[in-house]
Structure formats: structure tokens, C-alpha cells
């Protein structure tokens, strides 16, 4: 991931990530970024550009089932 060692609210930065899961089917990391109130998705390899897939959501945990459905706690 980019953003260096800085925390922040830019798309390439996280503040207080609480959970991360690996979506093996899509080869992505899915991260619960608690303070920024968002769920972000990053490519596992050469991940220079992540994207917010859900915004304005409180989150402390994530799960993904065998069908690829994402659950937010």
C-alpha cells in the first residue's frame, strides 16, 4: 500500500484499521478502516491503488463466506 507510514483519510491511507480479510477469489485484501468509517479493497499484489467499497459504516470486524458475501460487524 502507498501512503508511507502516515495515517490519514486519503484513499491510500488508513486510520486505525481493525480487521483485514483476504478475498482469495478476487486476490484482494478487504480492510475495515474504523476511524475513516469505510471498508476498502486493495489488490494483494502490487497494490498501489485501493478503493472504498463501502463508506459511512462503523466496523470492527469482517467476514466473507463461501459465496463471496461480505459481512460487517
PDB file of N, CA and C in Angstrom:
ATOM      1  N   UNK A   1       0.829  -1.172   0.000  1.00  0.00           N
ATOM      2  CA  UNK A   1       0.000   0.000   0.000  1.00  0.00           C
ATOM      3  C   UNK A   1       0.874   1.235   0.000  1.00  0.00           C
ATOM      4  N   UNK A   2       0.356   2.273  -0.566  1.00  0.00           N
ATOM      5  CA  UNK A   2       1.083   3.530  -0.584  1.00  0.00           C
ATOM      6  C   UNK A   2       0.702   4.340   0.639  1.00  0.00           C
ATOM      7  N   UNK A   3       1.090   5.599   0.671  1.00  0.00           N
ATOM      8  CA  UNK A   3       0.782   6.438   1.813  1.00  0.00           C
ATOM      9  C   UNK A   3       1.891   6.464   2.842  1.00  0.00           C
ATOM     10  N   UNK A   4       2.932   5.658   2.611  1.00  0.00           N
ATOM     11  CA  UNK A   4       4.059   5.633   3.537  1.00  0.00           C
ATOM     12  C   UNK A   4       3.641   5.189   4.921  1.00  0.00           C
ATOM     13  N   UNK A   5       4.249   5.797   5.922  1.00  0.00           N
ATOM     14  CA  UNK A   5       3.935   5.470   7.308  1.00  0.00           C
ATOM     15  C   UNK A   5       2.926   6.429   7.917  1.00  0.00           C
ATOM     16  N   UNK A   6       2.347   7.273   7.108  1.00  0.00           N
ATOM     17  CA  UNK A   6       1.413   8.278   7.594  1.00  0.00           C
ATOM     18  C   UNK A   6       0.006   7.701   7.705  1.00  0.00           C
ATOM     19  N   UNK A   7      -0.711   8.115   8.752  1.00  0.00           N
ATOM     20  CA  UNK A   7      -2.131   7.797   8.841  1.00  0.00           C
ATOM     21  C   UNK A   7      -2.899   8.960   8.252  1.00  0.00           C
ATOM     22  N   UNK A   8      -4.095   8.712   7.778  1.00  0.00           N
ATOM     23  CA  UNK A   8      -4.874   9.796   7.211  1.00  0.00           C
ATOM     24  C   UNK A   8      -6.141   9.310   6.556  1.00  0.00           C
ATOM     25  N   UNK A   9      -6.808  10.230   5.892  1.00  0.00           N
ATOM     26  CA  UNK A   9      -8.086   9.905   5.269  1.00  0.00           C
ATOM     27  C   UNK A   9      -8.020   9.894   3.746  1.00  0.00           C
ATOM     28  N   UNK A  10      -6.817  10.032   3.190  1.00  0.00           N
ATOM     29  CA  UNK A  10      -6.686   9.907   1.736  1.00  0.00           C
ATOM     30  C   UNK A  10      -7.009   8.472   1.334  1.00  0.00           C
ATOM     31  N   UNK A  11      -7.329   8.252   0.065  1.00  0.00           N
ATOM     32  CA  UNK A  11      -7.632   6.885  -0.381  1.00  0.00           C
ATOM     33  C   UNK A  11      -6.483   5.900  -0.178  1.00  0.00           C
ATOM     34  N   UNK A  12      -5.248   6.392  -0.103  1.00  0.00           N
ATOM     35  CA  UNK A  12      -4.098   5.499   0.072  1.00  0.00           C
ATOM     36  C   UNK A  12      -3.630   5.430   1.525  1.00  0.00           C
ATOM     37  N   UNK A  13      -4.453   5.898   2.465  1.00  0.00           N
ATOM     38  CA  UNK A  13      -4.092   5.897   3.882  1.00  0.00           C
ATOM     39  C   UNK A  13      -5.213   5.288   4.719  1.00  0.00           C
ATOM     40  N   UNK A  14      -4.829   4.761   5.883  1.00  0.00           N
ATOM     41  CA  UNK A  14      -5.783   4.192   6.829  1.00  0.00           C
ATOM     42  C   UNK A  14      -5.588   4.855   8.184  1.00  0.00           C
ATOM     43  N   UNK A  15      -6.655   4.870   8.981  1.00  0.00           N
ATOM     44  CA  UNK A  15      -6.564   5.267  10.383  1.00  0.00           C
ATOM     45  C   UNK A  15      -7.215   4.149  11.188  1.00  0.00           C
ATOM     46  N   UNK A  16      -6.477   3.557  12.060  1.00  0.00           N
ATOM     47  CA  UNK A  16      -6.993   2.542  12.977  1.00  0.00           C
ATOM     48  C   UNK A  16      -7.711   1.388  12.271  1.00  0.00           C
ATOM     49  N   UNK A  17      -7.030   0.705  11.352  1.00  0.00           N
ATOM     50  CA  UNK A  17      -7.665  -0.469  10.740  1.00  0.00           C
ATOM     51  C   UNK A  17      -7.882  -1.540  11.807  1.00  0.00           C
ATOM     52  N   UNK A  18      -9.088  -2.084  11.881  1.00  0.00           N
ATOM     53  CA  UNK A  18      -9.431  -3.050  12.927  1.00  0.00           C
ATOM     54  C   UNK A  18      -9.404  -4.492  12.451  1.00  0.00           C
ATOM     55  N   UNK A  19      -9.627  -4.726  11.168  1.00  0.00           N
ATOM     56  CA  UNK A  19      -9.669  -6.098  10.672  1.00  0.00           C
ATOM     57  C   UNK A  19      -9.291  -6.105   9.201  1.00  0.00           C
ATOM     58  N   UNK A  20      -8.741  -7.219   8.771  1.00  0.00           N
ATOM     59  CA  UNK A  20      -8.411  -7.414   7.359  1.00  0.00           C
ATOM     60  C   UNK A  20      -8.700  -8.866   7.010  1.00  0.00           C
ATOM     61  N   UNK A  21      -9.302  -9.071   5.851  1.00  0.00           N
ATOM     62  CA  UNK A  21      -9.529 -10.425   5.355  1.00  0.00           C
ATOM     63  C   UNK A  21      -8.994 -10.517   3.935  1.00  0.00           C
ATOM     64  N   UNK A  22      -8.739 -11.730   3.515  1.00  0.00           N
ATOM     65  CA  UNK A  22      -8.248 -11.976   2.158  1.00  0.00           C
ATOM     66  C   UNK A  22      -9.378 -12.572   1.339  1.00  0.00           C
ATOM     67  N   UNK A  23      -9.705 -11.907   0.250  1.00  0.00           N
ATOM     68  CA  UNK A  23     -10.664 -12.438  -0.718  1.00  0.00           C
ATOM     69  C   UNK A  23      -9.842 -13.190  -1.757  1.00  0.00           C
ATOM     70  N   UNK A  24      -9.714 -14.494  -1.562  1.00  0.00           N
ATOM     71  CA  UNK A  24      -8.854 -15.301  -2.432  1.00  0.00           C
ATOM     72  C   UNK A  24      -9.374 -15.374  -3.860  1.00  0.00           C
ATOM     73  N   UNK A  25     -10.697 -15.341  -4.039  1.00  0.00           N
ATOM     74  CA  UNK A  25     -11.268 -15.418  -5.388  1.00  0.00           C
ATOM     75  C   UNK A  25     -10.886 -14.218  -6.237  1.00  0.00           C
ATOM     76  N   UNK A  26     -10.827 -13.041  -5.623  1.00  0.00           N
ATOM     77  CA  UNK A  26     -10.502 -11.811  -6.357  1.00  0.00           C
ATOM     78  C   UNK A  26      -9.078 -11.336  -6.093  1.00  0.00           C
ATOM     79  N   UNK A  27      -8.358 -12.065  -5.231  1.00  0.00           N
ATOM     80  CA  UNK A  27      -6.975 -11.748  -4.871  1.00  0.00           C
ATOM     81  C   UNK A  27      -6.845 -10.329  -4.310  1.00  0.00           C
ATOM     82  N   UNK A  28      -7.738  -9.995  -3.366  1.00  0.00           N
ATOM     83  CA  UNK A  28      -7.763  -8.678  -2.746  1.00  0.00           C
ATOM     84  C   UNK A  28      -7.689  -8.777  -1.234  1.00  0.00           C
ATOM     85  N   UNK A  29      -7.223  -7.708  -0.618  1.00  0.00           N
ATOM     86  CA  UNK A  29      -7.364  -7.512   0.819  1.00  0.00           C
ATOM     87  C   UNK A  29      -8.577  -6.623   1.034  1.00  0.00           C
ATOM     88  N   UNK A  30      -9.399  -6.949   2.014  1.00  0.00           N
ATOM     89  CA  UNK A  30     -10.529  -6.109   2.385  1.00  0.00           C
ATOM     90  C   UNK A  30     -10.271  -5.658   3.817  1.00  0.00           C
ATOM     91  N   UNK A  31     -10.269  -4.346   4.017  1.00  0.00           N
ATOM     92  CA  UNK A  31      -9.826  -3.765   5.282  1.00  0.00           C
ATOM     93  C   UNK A  31     -10.932  -2.910   5.889  1.00  0.00           C
ATOM     94  N   UNK A  32     -11.160  -3.119   7.175  1.00  0.00           N
ATOM     95  CA  UNK A  32     -12.082  -2.303   7.955  1.00  0.00           C
ATOM     96  C   UNK A  32     -11.297  -1.110   8.503  1.00  0.00           C
ATOM     97  N   UNK A  33     -11.520   0.062   7.956  1.00  0.00           N
ATOM     98  CA  UNK A  33     -10.832   1.294   8.362  1.00  0.00           C
ATOM     99  C   UNK A  33     -11.768   2.073   9.294  1.00  0.00           C
ATOM    100  N   UNK A  34     -11.657   1.799  10.590  1.00  0.00           N
ATOM    101  CA  UNK A  34     -12.644   2.223  11.578  1.00  0.00           C
ATOM    102  C   UNK A  34     -12.836   3.735  11.673  1.00  0.00           C
ATOM    103  N   UNK A  35     -11.772   4.479  11.882  1.00  0.00           N
ATOM    104  CA  UNK A  35     -11.906   5.923  12.098  1.00  0.00           C
ATOM    105  C   UNK A  35     -12.409   6.627  10.837  1.00  0.00           C
ATOM    106  N   UNK A  36     -11.994   6.167   9.674  1.00  0.00           N
ATOM    107  CA  UNK A  36     -12.470   6.759   8.419  1.00  0.00           C
ATOM    108  C   UNK A  36     -13.855   6.250   8.022  1.00  0.00           C
ATOM    109  N   UNK A  37     -14.417   5.331   8.808  1.00  0.00           N
ATOM    110  CA  UNK A  37     -15.763   4.787   8.582  1.00  0.00           C
ATOM    111  C   UNK A  37     -15.932   4.272   7.159  1.00  0.00           C
ATOM    112  N   UNK A  38     -15.053   3.345   6.777  1.00  0.00           N
ATOM    113  CA  UNK A  38     -15.134   2.806   5.422  1.00  0.00           C
ATOM    114  C   UNK A  38     -14.540   1.404   5.372  1.00  0.00           C
ATOM    115  N   UNK A  39     -14.926   0.685   4.331  1.00  0.00           N
ATOM    116  CA  UNK A  39     -14.342  -0.609   4.001  1.00  0.00           C
ATOM    117  C   UNK A  39     -13.598  -0.394   2.691  1.00  0.00           C
ATOM    118  N   UNK A  40     -12.310  -0.725   2.690  1.00  0.00           N
ATOM    119  CA  UNK A  40     -11.503  -0.533   1.492  1.00  0.00           C
ATOM    120  C   UNK A  40     -11.011  -1.874   0.960  1.00  0.00           C
ATOM    121  N   UNK A  41     -10.786  -1.895  -0.324  1.00  0.00           N
ATOM    122  CA  UNK A  41     -10.309  -3.100  -1.009  1.00  0.00           C
ATOM    123  C   UNK A  41      -9.007  -2.769  -1.717  1.00  0.00           C
ATOM    124  N   UNK A  42      -8.007  -3.630  -1.509  1.00  0.00           N
ATOM    125  CA  UNK A  42      -6.695  -3.432  -2.123  1.00  0.00           C
ATOM    126  C   UNK A  42      -6.269  -4.706  -2.820  1.00  0.00           C
ATOM    127  N   UNK A  43      -5.642  -4.593  -3.990  1.00  0.00           N
ATOM    128  CA  UNK A  43      -5.054  -5.783  -4.618  1.00  0.00           C
ATOM    129  C   UNK A  43      -3.949  -6.340  -3.723  1.00  0.00           C
ATOM    130  N   UNK A  44      -3.865  -7.652  -3.615  1.00  0.00           N
ATOM    131  CA  UNK A  44      -2.827  -8.266  -2.778  1.00  0.00           C
ATOM    132  C   UNK A  44      -1.440  -8.074  -3.366  1.00  0.00           C
ATOM    133  N   UNK A  45      -1.338  -8.054  -4.665  1.00  0.00           N
ATOM    134  CA  UNK A  45      -0.039  -7.921  -5.326  1.00  0.00           C
ATOM    135  C   UNK A  45       0.029  -6.568  -6.040  1.00  0.00           C
ATOM    136  N   UNK A  46       1.135  -5.892  -5.853  1.00  0.00           N
ATOM    137  CA  UNK A  46       1.346  -4.584  -6.492  1.00  0.00           C
ATOM    138  C   UNK A  46       0.206  -3.616  -6.194  1.00  0.00           C
ATOM    139  N   UNK A  47      -0.254  -3.630  -4.952  1.00  0.00           N
ATOM    140  CA  UNK A  47      -1.390  -2.801  -4.565  1.00  0.00           C
ATOM    141  C   UNK A  47      -1.038  -1.347  -4.370  1.00  0.00           C
ATOM    142  N   UNK A  48      -1.125  -0.574  -5.418  1.00  0.00           N
ATOM    143  CA  UNK A  48      -0.843   0.855  -5.330  1.00  0.00           C
ATOM    144  C   UNK A  48      -2.119   1.675  -5.314  1.00  0.00           C
ATOM    145  N   UNK A  49      -3.217   1.078  -5.712  1.00  0.00           N
ATOM    146  CA  UNK A  49      -4.483   1.791  -5.754  1.00  0.00           C
ATOM    147  C   UNK A  49      -5.570   0.954  -5.097  1.00  0.00           C
ATOM    148  N   UNK A  50      -6.033   1.430  -3.956  1.00  0.00           N
ATOM    149  CA  UNK A  50      -7.159   0.797  -3.297  1.00  0.00           C
ATOM    150  C   UNK A  50      -8.420   1.561  -3.631  1.00  0.00           C
ATOM    151  N   UNK A  51      -9.553   0.983  -3.266  1.00  0.00           N
ATOM    152  CA  UNK A  51     -10.806   1.688  -3.492  1.00  0.00           C
ATOM    153  C   UNK A  51     -11.730   1.468  -2.309  1.00  0.00           C
ATOM    154  N   UNK A  52     -12.496   2.493  -1.993  1.00  0.00           N
ATOM    155  CA  UNK A  52     -13.508   2.379  -0.955  1.00  0.00           C
ATOM    156  C   UNK A  52     -14.687   1.639  -1.554  1.00  0.00           C
ATOM    157  N   UNK A  53     -15.058   0.518  -0.936  1.00  0.00           N
ATOM    158  CA  UNK A  53     -16.194  -0.245  -1.465  1.00  0.00           C
ATOM    159  C   UNK A  53     -17.469   0.015  -0.665  1.00  0.00           C
ATOM    160  N   UNK A  54     -17.320   0.454   0.598  1.00  0.00           N
ATOM    161  CA  UNK A  54     -18.466   0.854   1.420  1.00  0.00           C
ATOM    162  C   UNK A  54     -18.011   2.044   2.257  1.00  0.00           C
ATOM    163  N   UNK A  55     -18.786   3.118   2.243  1.00  0.00           N
ATOM    164  CA  UNK A  55     -18.420   4.293   3.034  1.00  0.00           C
ATOM    165  C   UNK A  55     -19.499   4.574   4.081  1.00  0.00           C
ATOM    166  N   UNK A  56     -19.138   5.417   5.044  1.00  0.00           N
ATOM    167  CA  UNK A  56     -20.039   5.801   6.132  1.00  0.00           C
ATOM    168  C   UNK A  56     -20.591   4.602   6.888  1.00  0.00           C
ATOM    169  N   UNK A  57     -19.691   3.693   7.274  1.00  0.00           N
ATOM    170  CA  UNK A  57     -20.107   2.497   8.008  1.00  0.00           C
ATOM    171  C   UNK A  57     -19.173   2.287   9.198  1.00  0.00           C
ATOM    172  N   UNK A  58     -19.765   2.025  10.357  1.00  0.00           N
ATOM    173  CA  UNK A  58     -18.975   1.639  11.518  1.00  0.00           C
ATOM    174  C   UNK A  58     -18.581   0.181  11.375  1.00  0.00           C
ATOM    175  N   UNK A  59     -17.390  -0.163  11.804  1.00  0.00           N
ATOM    176  CA  UNK A  59     -16.903  -1.519  11.584  1.00  0.00           C
ATOM    177  C   UNK A  59     -15.857  -1.882  12.622  1.00  0.00           C
ATOM    178  N   UNK A  60     -15.950  -3.103  13.140  1.00  0.00           N
ATOM    179  CA  UNK A  60     -14.873  -3.609  13.993  1.00  0.00           C
ATOM    180  C   UNK A  60     -14.460  -5.013  13.572  1.00  0.00           C
ATOM    181  N   UNK A  61     -15.166  -5.591  12.606  1.00  0.00           N
ATOM    182  CA  UNK A  61     -14.801  -6.914  12.127  1.00  0.00           C
ATOM    183  C   UNK A  61     -15.413  -7.208  10.770  1.00  0.00           C
ATOM    184  N   UNK A  62     -14.793  -8.141  10.058  1.00  0.00           N
ATOM    185  CA  UNK A  62     -15.229  -8.536   8.723  1.00  0.00           C
ATOM    186  C   UNK A  62     -15.219 -10.053   8.601  1.00  0.00           C
ATOM    187  N   UNK A  63     -16.076 -10.550   7.729  1.00  0.00           N
ATOM    188  CA  UNK A  63     -16.061 -11.973   7.380  1.00  0.00           C
ATOM    189  C   UNK A  63     -16.551 -12.095   5.948  1.00  0.00           C
ATOM    190  N   UNK A  64     -16.126 -13.151   5.289  1.00  0.00           N
ATOM    191  CA  UNK A  64     -16.582 -13.434   3.934  1.00  0.00           C
ATOM    192  C   UNK A  64     -16.937 -14.914   3.882  1.00  0.00           C
ATOM    193  N   UNK A  65     -18.083 -15.236   3.278  1.00  0.00           N
ATOM    194  CA  UNK A  65     -18.494 -16.639   3.237  1.00  0.00           C
ATOM    195  C   UNK A  65     -18.070 -17.297   1.929  1.00  0.00           C
ATOM    196  N   UNK A  66     -18.410 -18.566   1.782  1.00  0.00           N
ATOM    197  CA  UNK A  66     -18.001 -19.335   0.603  1.00  0.00           C
ATOM    198  C   UNK A  66     -18.598 -18.805  -0.693  1.00  0.00           C
ATOM    199  N   UNK A  67     -19.692 -18.040  -0.601  1.00  0.00           N
ATOM    200  CA  UNK A  67     -20.315 -17.459  -1.792  1.00  0.00           C
ATOM    201  C   UNK A  67     -19.749 -16.086  -2.132  1.00  0.00           C
ATOM    202  N   UNK A  68     -18.829 -15.591  -1.309  1.00  0.00           N
ATOM    203  CA  UNK A  68     -18.226 -14.286  -1.555  1.00  0.00           C
ATOM    204  C   UNK A  68     -18.985 -13.129  -0.935  1.00  0.00           C
ATOM    205  N   UNK A  69     -20.008 -13.421  -0.119  1.00  0.00           N
ATOM    206  CA  UNK A  69     -20.756 -12.355   0.555  1.00  0.00           C
ATOM    207  C   UNK A  69     -19.929 -11.806   1.710  1.00  0.00           C
ATOM    208  N   UNK A  70     -19.909 -10.488   1.821  1.00  0.00           N
ATOM    209  CA  UNK A  70     -19.136  -9.806   2.852  1.00  0.00           C
ATOM    210  C   UNK A  70     -20.049  -9.458   4.017  1.00  0.00           C
ATOM    211  N   UNK A  71     -19.590  -9.748   5.241  1.00  0.00           N
ATOM    212  CA  UNK A  71     -20.334  -9.438   6.461  1.00  0.00           C
ATOM    213  C   UNK A  71     -19.517  -8.464   7.290  1.00  0.00           C
ATOM    214  N   UNK A  72     -20.195  -7.426   7.788  1.00  0.00           N
ATOM    215  CA  UNK A  72     -19.546  -6.374   8.561  1.00  0.00           C
ATOM    216  C   UNK A  72     -20.108  -6.391   9.974  1.00  0.00           C
ATOM    217  N   UNK A  73     -19.211  -6.394  10.941  1.00  0.00           N
ATOM    218  CA  UNK A  73     -19.618  -6.390  12.351  1.00  0.00           C
ATOM    219  C   UNK A  73     -19.270  -5.045  12.953  1.00  0.00           C
TER     220      UNK A  73
END
